[in-house]
Amino acid sequence: MSPSAVVWDSALLAYDMGEQHPFNPVRLHLTMRLATALGVLDDVPLLSPEPAGAKELYRAHSAEYLEAVQQAPLAGWDVGHGLGTDDNPVFTDMHDAASLVVGSTLMGARCLSEGRAQRAVSIAGGHHHAMHDRAAGFCVYNDCSVAISWLLEQGYDRIAYVDTDVHHGDGVQAAFLGDPRVLTISLHQHPLTLFPGTGYSAETGVEDGEGSAVNVPLPPGTHDAGWQRAFHAVVPSLLDRFRPQILVTQCGVDSHGEDPLADLSLTVDGHRTIYRELRALADRHAEGRWLAVGGGGYQLLRVVPRSWTHLVATVLDRDVAPDVPLPAEWTETVRGVAPTAELPPTMSDGADTAYSPWGDGSGAAVDAAIRDTRRAVFPLHGLDPDDPRD
C-alpha cells in the first residue's frame, strides 16, 4: 500500500470566482509550486480527479439545486439558492469546476477505502459551507459531505470530521446532525463575531445524533497556545471514546493572524503543529486513515502556500523544518504575480507553539469556551466535563 496520496490537477484552478474575489485559485497554484520547489513532491505521483457525477452530488444536494447551478451561468444573476451574490458569484462552467473539486475529495476517499493509500490530501477541497439546496461562503458543492456520505456507503460507521478553519463547518454539521455514525468537531472563531453565525457550544446534534456535533467557539485574538489548549481539552478525549475508522479534516488556514477576513491570531508554525497533531490522532485512533482537505485562507501569498505546503508534507511524512528558506525559484514565481509583495524568508513565522493544558488553573482566555463545550457534549459520551483527565 502506498502510504499517502496527493490529489491534484491544474484543472482545479478553474474554480475561479473572479480576480477580485477572496477565494482566488492562485493560492492553490502557489502552494503546489512551493511544495514542488522544496522537494516535498519528489517522486510523488499526483492523482488527477474526475468530476463528480449527479449520483454523487445528490448525496449532499437536491436535484433542484444542481439544476440551478448548471443553469446559473445562462440564466444571469437572479437564480436564487445563494447564487449570484457577492460571496457566491456566478462564473463560467461553475458546475463543472465545482464538480471537479468534489471529485478530488472523493478520489482521496476512494484511495483510503480501497486500500491504495493510508492518507490522502486534496488542498482544492474543503468547501464546508455549501448546504443541501444553496451555496454559501464561497462554496457551491460540499465535497466534505459528499465524501463522508460515500464512505458511509462503503460500510464505515464511525467517521470523525475535524474542522480547523476559522469559520464554523456548518454545512457538514447540518448534513450529519442526526447521524450518530459521523462525529463533527469544529474549532472556529465565535459565531457572534464571524460568518456564518453558527457553531455555539450548545449545538450538539439532534435525535439519534445527539452528541455527534461538537463546537468550540474561540474568542477573537486567540493565539497558537490558546488554540492548542482548546484542541487538546476537547478533541483527543472524544476521538478516544468515538474510535473513528477514518479521520477527515478540513484544514482552512484563515485562522492566521494576517488573514484579512477573520480575527484569530494563529501562525504558520501553529498550522504546522495542528497538522502534526491531526496525523498523530489518525495514527492513534483511526489506524492511520486520514483524509485531509483545504478550505479557507485569504492571505494568498505569505500564508496559504506555506501553511498548505506544511499540510502536504505532513501527510507525506516529509515534514518541512520551520527554518527552511523559501526557494528563490518560488519567490520569483510570486514576483510574477505580485511584484511588490513582501515575503517572509522561511517556512516559519518564528512563533513558539507551546501551550499549557486545560485544568492547570491559569485561567486562559479560551477556558470559557472549553468549559462550555465540555459541559455540553462530554456527558453525552460518558466523559466527565470537569475532570482534566477526561
Protein backbone atom coordinates (compact mmCIF):
# COMPACT_ATOMS: atom_id res chain seq x y z
CA MET A 1 0.00 0.00 0.00
CA SER A 2 1.24 3.48 -0.84
CA PRO A 3 1.32 5.39 2.45
CA SER A 4 -0.12 8.63 1.04
CA ALA A 5 -1.93 10.05 -1.97
CA VAL A 6 -1.87 13.61 -3.28
CA VAL A 7 -4.81 14.60 -5.46
CA TRP A 8 -4.08 17.48 -7.79
CA ASP A 9 -4.63 18.69 -11.32
CA SER A 10 -4.25 22.24 -12.63
CA ALA A 11 -7.82 21.93 -13.91
CA LEU A 12 -8.88 22.54 -10.29
CA LEU A 13 -7.82 26.17 -10.78
CA ALA A 14 -10.99 26.63 -12.86
CA TYR A 15 -12.94 27.14 -9.61
CA ASP A 16 -12.45 30.87 -10.05
CA MET A 17 -14.93 33.44 -8.77
CA GLY A 18 -13.03 36.36 -10.25
CA GLU A 19 -9.76 38.19 -9.79
CA GLN A 20 -11.12 40.42 -7.02
CA HIS A 21 -12.81 37.61 -5.10
CA PRO A 22 -11.01 36.46 -1.93
CA PHE A 23 -11.29 32.78 -2.92
CA ASN A 24 -8.59 33.16 -5.53
CA PRO A 25 -7.17 29.94 -7.03
CA VAL A 26 -3.69 31.47 -7.12
CA ARG A 27 -3.32 30.20 -3.55
CA LEU A 28 -3.58 26.62 -4.83
CA HIS A 29 -1.18 27.26 -7.69
CA LEU A 30 1.43 28.82 -5.41
CA THR A 31 1.07 26.03 -2.84
CA MET A 32 1.80 23.32 -5.36
CA ARG A 33 4.69 25.34 -6.80
CA LEU A 34 6.17 25.78 -3.32
CA ALA A 35 5.75 22.11 -2.40
CA THR A 36 7.45 21.20 -5.66
CA ALA A 37 10.30 23.66 -5.19
CA LEU A 38 11.00 22.33 -1.70
CA GLY A 39 11.14 18.74 -2.95
CA VAL A 40 8.07 17.69 -0.96
CA LEU A 41 6.52 16.17 -4.08
CA ASP A 42 9.64 14.49 -5.44
CA ASP A 43 8.70 11.08 -6.89
CA VAL A 44 5.10 11.51 -5.71
CA PRO A 45 2.55 10.75 -8.44
CA LEU A 46 -0.21 13.36 -8.49
CA LEU A 47 -3.64 11.78 -8.86
CA SER A 48 -5.86 13.57 -11.37
CA PRO A 49 -9.54 13.58 -10.37
CA GLU A 50 -12.68 13.22 -12.45
CA PRO A 51 -15.71 15.47 -11.89
CA ALA A 52 -18.28 14.04 -9.50
CA GLY A 53 -21.45 12.95 -11.26
CA ALA A 54 -25.02 13.74 -10.30
CA LYS A 55 -25.38 10.48 -8.34
CA GLU A 56 -22.58 11.52 -6.02
CA LEU A 57 -23.64 15.17 -5.78
CA TYR A 58 -27.14 14.08 -4.75
CA ARG A 59 -25.55 12.72 -1.58
CA ALA A 60 -25.31 16.30 -0.31
CA HIS A 61 -27.53 18.37 -2.62
CA SER A 62 -31.03 18.44 -4.08
CA ALA A 63 -31.80 17.88 -7.75
CA GLU A 64 -33.37 21.34 -7.90
CA TYR A 65 -30.18 22.90 -6.61
CA LEU A 66 -27.97 21.03 -9.09
CA GLU A 67 -30.20 22.27 -11.90
CA ALA A 68 -29.89 25.84 -10.61
CA VAL A 69 -26.08 25.61 -10.52
CA GLN A 70 -25.98 24.24 -14.06
CA GLN A 71 -28.33 26.90 -15.40
CA ALA A 72 -26.94 29.86 -13.44
CA PRO A 73 -24.29 30.96 -15.99
CA LEU A 74 -27.02 31.10 -18.65
CA ALA A 75 -29.81 32.50 -16.51
CA GLY A 76 -27.93 35.50 -15.17
CA TRP A 77 -27.84 36.69 -11.59
CA ASP A 78 -31.39 36.18 -10.31
CA VAL A 79 -31.24 32.41 -9.78
CA GLY A 80 -31.72 32.09 -6.01
CA HIS A 81 -30.19 29.27 -3.97
CA GLY A 82 -27.50 31.64 -2.71
CA LEU A 83 -26.07 32.02 -6.21
CA GLY A 84 -25.27 35.35 -7.83
CA THR A 85 -24.33 37.05 -4.56
CA ASP A 86 -21.11 38.86 -3.70
CA ASP A 87 -19.96 35.80 -1.78
CA ASN A 88 -21.03 33.32 -4.43
CA PRO A 89 -20.95 34.98 -7.83
CA VAL A 90 -21.95 33.02 -10.90
CA PHE A 91 -19.00 32.13 -13.10
CA THR A 92 -18.46 30.27 -16.37
CA ASP A 93 -18.52 26.47 -16.09
CA MET A 94 -19.37 26.75 -12.40
CA HIS A 95 -20.99 23.32 -12.20
CA ASP A 96 -18.07 21.59 -13.90
CA ALA A 97 -15.47 23.36 -11.76
CA ALA A 98 -17.33 22.67 -8.51
CA SER A 99 -17.94 19.04 -9.51
CA LEU A 100 -14.22 18.57 -10.07
CA VAL A 101 -13.49 19.85 -6.56
CA VAL A 102 -15.90 17.25 -5.20
CA GLY A 103 -14.25 14.64 -7.41
CA SER A 104 -10.86 15.48 -5.94
CA THR A 105 -12.02 14.81 -2.39
CA LEU A 106 -13.89 11.69 -3.48
CA MET A 107 -10.72 10.38 -5.10
CA GLY A 108 -8.91 10.77 -1.80
CA ALA A 109 -11.72 8.94 0.00
CA ARG A 110 -11.61 6.13 -2.55
CA CYS A 111 -7.86 5.74 -2.11
CA LEU A 112 -8.39 5.15 1.60
CA SER A 113 -11.42 2.91 1.24
CA GLU A 114 -9.82 0.73 -1.42
CA GLY A 115 -6.56 0.38 0.47
CA ARG A 116 -4.50 2.23 -2.14
CA ALA A 117 -3.28 4.71 0.46
CA GLN A 118 -3.40 5.22 4.19
CA ARG A 119 -3.54 9.01 3.92
CA ALA A 120 -4.78 11.35 1.20
CA VAL A 121 -4.78 15.12 0.71
CA SER A 122 -6.57 17.44 -1.69
CA ILE A 123 -5.89 21.10 -0.98
CA ALA A 124 -8.59 22.10 -3.50
CA GLY A 125 -11.30 20.61 -1.29
CA GLY A 126 -12.79 21.79 1.96
CA HIS A 127 -15.90 23.65 0.72
CA HIS A 128 -17.64 23.12 4.01
CA HIS A 129 -20.33 25.85 3.89
CA ALA A 130 -22.39 24.58 0.93
CA MET A 131 -25.84 23.43 2.04
CA HIS A 132 -28.33 20.92 0.67
CA ASP A 133 -30.07 23.48 -1.55
CA ARG A 134 -27.89 26.58 -1.58
CA ALA A 135 -24.41 27.97 -1.99
CA ALA A 136 -22.79 29.74 0.94
CA GLY A 137 -19.46 31.16 1.98
CA PHE A 138 -17.71 30.80 -1.42
CA CYS A 139 -18.83 27.13 -1.57
CA VAL A 140 -21.04 25.75 -4.35
CA TYR A 141 -20.91 22.00 -3.63
CA ASN A 142 -19.92 20.43 -0.32
CA ASP A 143 -17.14 17.99 -1.13
CA CYS A 144 -16.65 17.07 2.53
CA SER A 145 -20.25 15.96 2.96
CA VAL A 146 -20.27 14.04 -0.33
CA ALA A 147 -17.09 12.15 0.56
CA ILE A 148 -18.29 11.29 4.07
CA SER A 149 -21.62 10.07 2.69
CA TRP A 150 -19.78 7.92 0.16
CA LEU A 151 -17.57 6.45 2.89
CA LEU A 152 -20.64 5.58 4.95
CA GLU A 153 -22.00 3.65 1.97
CA GLN A 154 -18.76 1.66 1.81
CA GLY A 155 -19.53 0.29 5.27
CA TYR A 156 -17.67 2.67 7.56
CA ASP A 157 -19.87 3.55 10.51
CA ARG A 158 -17.59 5.74 12.64
CA ILE A 159 -16.20 8.72 10.75
CA ALA A 160 -14.74 11.69 12.61
CA TYR A 161 -14.66 15.07 10.88
CA VAL A 162 -12.43 17.73 12.47
CA ASP A 163 -12.69 21.26 11.06
CA THR A 164 -9.87 23.69 11.90
CA ASP A 165 -11.00 26.53 9.61
CA VAL A 166 -11.65 29.89 11.30
CA HIS A 167 -15.29 29.61 10.19
CA HIS A 168 -17.75 27.09 11.57
CA GLY A 169 -18.08 23.93 9.48
CA ASP A 170 -21.82 24.49 9.25
CA GLY A 171 -22.60 22.65 6.02
CA VAL A 172 -21.01 19.41 7.17
CA GLN A 173 -22.60 19.66 10.59
CA ALA A 174 -26.01 20.21 9.01
CA ALA A 175 -25.59 17.21 6.73
CA PHE A 176 -24.95 14.79 9.61
CA LEU A 177 -26.61 16.50 12.57
CA GLY A 178 -28.80 13.47 13.30
CA ASP A 179 -26.37 10.74 12.26
CA PRO A 180 -24.51 9.04 15.13
CA ARG A 181 -22.07 7.47 12.65
CA VAL A 182 -20.42 10.85 11.99
CA LEU A 183 -18.78 12.93 14.71
CA THR A 184 -18.25 16.52 13.55
CA ILE A 185 -15.89 18.71 15.58
CA SER A 186 -15.33 22.36 14.65
CA LEU A 187 -12.95 24.83 16.29
CA HIS A 188 -13.69 28.32 14.99
CA GLN A 189 -13.99 32.00 15.82
CA HIS A 190 -17.01 32.75 17.99
CA PRO A 191 -20.22 32.97 15.90
CA LEU A 192 -21.18 36.30 17.44
CA THR A 193 -18.17 37.80 15.67
CA LEU A 194 -17.94 35.97 12.34
CA PHE A 195 -19.81 34.30 9.47
CA PRO A 196 -21.80 32.04 9.40
CA GLY A 197 -23.12 32.92 12.87
CA THR A 198 -23.45 29.29 13.96
CA GLY A 199 -21.31 26.88 15.91
CA TYR A 200 -22.25 27.56 19.52
CA SER A 201 -21.23 25.06 22.17
CA ALA A 202 -24.88 24.15 22.72
CA GLU A 203 -25.17 22.79 19.15
CA THR A 204 -24.64 19.10 19.90
CA GLY A 205 -26.77 17.21 17.37
CA VAL A 206 -30.39 16.08 17.20
CA GLU A 207 -32.35 12.87 17.80
CA ASP A 208 -30.13 9.81 17.29
CA GLY A 209 -27.23 12.13 16.60
CA GLU A 210 -27.33 13.90 19.94
CA GLY A 211 -23.68 14.35 20.89
CA SER A 212 -22.45 13.91 17.32
CA ALA A 213 -21.84 17.66 16.80
CA VAL A 214 -19.10 19.37 18.80
CA ASN A 215 -18.34 23.07 18.59
CA VAL A 216 -15.55 25.08 20.20
CA PRO A 217 -16.20 28.83 19.60
CA LEU A 218 -12.96 30.68 20.24
CA PRO A 219 -12.68 34.36 21.19
CA PRO A 220 -11.20 36.76 18.61
CA GLY A 221 -7.47 37.14 19.05
CA THR A 222 -6.87 33.55 20.10
CA HIS A 223 -3.19 32.66 19.53
CA ASP A 224 -1.49 29.34 18.87
CA ALA A 225 -1.20 28.46 22.55
CA GLY A 226 -4.89 29.12 23.25
CA TRP A 227 -5.98 27.20 20.16
CA GLN A 228 -3.87 24.21 21.15
CA ARG A 229 -5.15 24.40 24.71
CA ALA A 230 -8.74 24.20 23.46
CA PHE A 231 -7.99 21.48 20.93
CA HIS A 232 -6.31 19.21 23.46
CA ALA A 233 -9.02 19.83 26.06
CA VAL A 234 -11.73 18.56 23.71
CA VAL A 235 -10.65 16.57 20.66
CA PRO A 236 -8.43 13.68 21.85
CA SER A 237 -10.86 12.54 24.56
CA LEU A 238 -13.80 12.50 22.15
CA LEU A 239 -11.88 10.62 19.48
CA ASP A 240 -10.70 8.11 22.06
CA ARG A 241 -14.31 7.44 23.04
CA PHE A 242 -15.72 7.53 19.47
CA ARG A 243 -12.99 5.26 17.99
CA PRO A 244 -13.20 6.55 14.39
CA GLN A 245 -12.32 4.30 11.48
CA ILE A 246 -11.37 7.30 9.33
CA LEU A 247 -10.38 10.86 10.24
CA VAL A 248 -11.49 13.56 7.78
CA THR A 249 -10.08 17.02 8.40
CA GLN A 250 -10.85 20.40 6.87
CA CYS A 251 -7.65 22.41 7.19
CA GLY A 252 -8.55 26.00 6.39
CA VAL A 253 -5.79 28.47 7.24
CA ASP A 254 -7.86 31.65 7.61
CA SER A 255 -7.16 31.40 11.35
CA HIS A 256 -3.80 33.08 10.68
CA GLY A 257 -3.22 36.49 12.25
CA GLU A 258 -2.66 38.07 8.82
CA ASP A 259 -5.86 36.75 7.28
CA PRO A 260 -7.99 39.70 6.10
CA LEU A 261 -11.38 38.06 6.69
CA ALA A 262 -11.17 36.90 10.30
CA ASP A 263 -9.73 37.71 13.71
CA LEU A 264 -7.85 34.76 15.18
CA SER A 265 -4.09 35.09 15.57
CA LEU A 266 -2.51 31.77 14.68
CA THR A 267 0.80 31.48 12.82
CA VAL A 268 2.17 29.24 10.09
CA ASP A 269 4.01 27.45 12.91
CA GLY A 270 0.68 26.92 14.64
CA HIS A 271 -0.79 25.44 11.47
CA ARG A 272 2.18 23.09 11.13
CA THR A 273 1.63 21.95 14.71
CA ILE A 274 -2.08 21.35 14.05
CA TYR A 275 -1.31 19.07 11.11
CA ARG A 276 1.17 17.06 13.12
CA GLU A 277 -1.42 16.66 15.89
CA LEU A 278 -4.04 15.51 13.38
CA ARG A 279 -1.62 12.99 11.90
CA ALA A 280 -0.88 11.61 15.36
CA LEU A 281 -4.59 11.36 16.16
CA ALA A 282 -5.25 9.48 12.91
CA ASP A 283 -2.44 7.08 13.75
CA ARG A 284 -3.70 6.64 17.30
CA HIS A 285 -7.43 6.35 16.70
CA ALA A 286 -8.10 5.51 13.04
CA GLU A 287 -5.29 3.09 12.13
CA GLY A 288 -3.65 5.95 10.27
CA ARG A 289 -6.54 6.57 7.84
CA TRP A 290 -6.58 10.33 7.26
CA LEU A 291 -8.27 12.35 4.53
CA ALA A 292 -7.16 16.00 4.61
CA VAL A 293 -8.65 18.81 2.53
CA GLY A 294 -8.04 22.54 2.27
CA GLY A 295 -10.66 25.21 2.91
CA GLY A 296 -10.41 28.91 3.66
CA GLY A 297 -7.32 31.09 3.64
CA TYR A 298 -7.12 34.57 2.12
CA GLN A 299 -3.59 35.81 2.73
CA LEU A 300 -2.78 34.37 -0.67
CA LEU A 301 0.97 34.92 -0.87
CA ARG A 302 2.52 34.98 2.61
CA VAL A 303 0.37 32.42 4.43
CA VAL A 304 -1.61 29.89 2.39
CA PRO A 305 1.24 28.46 0.29
CA ARG A 306 3.49 27.95 3.31
CA SER A 307 0.80 26.52 5.58
CA TRP A 308 -0.59 24.11 3.00
CA THR A 309 2.87 23.03 1.92
CA HIS A 310 3.32 22.02 5.55
CA LEU A 311 0.00 20.16 5.30
CA VAL A 312 1.04 18.21 2.19
CA ALA A 313 4.45 17.49 3.73
CA THR A 314 2.85 16.23 6.95
CA VAL A 315 0.52 13.90 5.07
CA LEU A 316 3.51 12.53 3.15
CA ASP A 317 5.72 12.18 6.26
CA ARG A 318 8.12 14.64 4.66
CA ASP A 319 7.88 17.30 7.33
CA VAL A 320 9.50 20.60 6.39
CA ALA A 321 11.57 22.21 9.14
CA PRO A 322 10.34 25.69 10.10
CA ASP A 323 13.69 27.36 9.40
CA VAL A 324 13.91 26.14 5.78
CA PRO A 325 14.35 29.17 3.48
CA LEU A 326 11.80 29.87 0.78
CA PRO A 327 13.31 28.75 -2.55
CA ALA A 328 14.40 31.53 -4.87
CA GLU A 329 12.55 29.97 -7.79
CA TRP A 330 9.32 30.15 -5.81
CA THR A 331 9.78 33.74 -4.72
CA GLU A 332 10.36 34.62 -8.38
CA THR A 333 7.05 32.97 -9.23
CA VAL A 334 5.35 35.15 -6.62
CA ARG A 335 7.04 38.26 -8.00
CA GLY A 336 5.41 37.42 -11.32
CA VAL A 337 2.02 37.57 -9.62
CA ALA A 338 2.67 40.44 -7.19
CA PRO A 339 5.94 42.30 -7.95
CA THR A 340 5.93 44.37 -4.75
CA ALA A 341 4.84 41.66 -2.30
CA GLU A 342 6.86 41.36 0.90
CA LEU A 343 7.58 37.71 1.55
CA PRO A 344 8.83 36.03 4.71
CA PRO A 345 12.29 34.46 4.46
CA THR A 346 11.47 30.97 5.73
CA MET A 347 8.71 28.40 6.24
CA SER A 348 8.17 29.80 9.74
CA ASP A 349 6.74 32.86 11.43
CA GLY A 350 9.20 32.35 14.27
CA ALA A 351 6.43 31.51 16.71
CA ASP A 352 6.55 29.33 19.82
CA THR A 353 3.54 26.98 19.73
CA ALA A 354 3.93 25.59 23.26
CA TYR A 355 0.74 25.63 25.34
CA SER A 356 -0.36 24.94 28.87
CA PRO A 357 -3.03 22.24 29.28
CA TRP A 358 -6.57 22.98 30.33
CA GLY A 359 -7.10 22.47 34.01
CA ASP A 360 -3.80 23.97 35.10
CA GLY A 361 -5.57 26.86 36.82
CA SER A 362 -4.04 29.55 34.66
CA GLY A 363 -7.42 30.96 33.57
CA ALA A 364 -6.60 31.27 29.87
CA ALA A 365 -8.90 33.34 27.67
CA VAL A 366 -10.21 30.25 25.89
CA ASP A 367 -11.22 28.46 29.08
CA ALA A 368 -14.83 29.66 28.95
CA ALA A 369 -15.22 28.09 25.52
CA ILE A 370 -13.56 24.90 26.71
CA ARG A 371 -15.80 24.70 29.75
CA ASP A 372 -19.00 25.33 27.78
CA THR A 373 -18.15 22.77 25.12
CA ARG A 374 -17.09 20.07 27.55
CA ARG A 375 -20.22 20.57 29.68
CA ALA A 376 -22.46 20.49 26.62
CA VAL A 377 -21.10 17.36 24.98
CA PHE A 378 -18.82 15.33 27.24
CA PRO A 379 -21.63 13.78 29.36
CA LEU A 380 -23.24 12.55 26.13
CA HIS A 381 -20.11 10.47 25.58
CA GLY A 382 -19.78 9.25 29.15
CA LEU A 383 -16.99 11.69 29.94
CA ASP A 384 -16.64 13.97 32.99
CA PRO A 385 -16.62 17.58 31.75
CA ASP A 386 -14.90 18.87 34.88
CA ASP A 387 -12.15 16.27 35.13
CA PRO A 388 -8.97 17.31 33.23
CA ARG A 389 -8.07 13.62 32.93
CA ASP A 390 -11.05 13.12 30.57
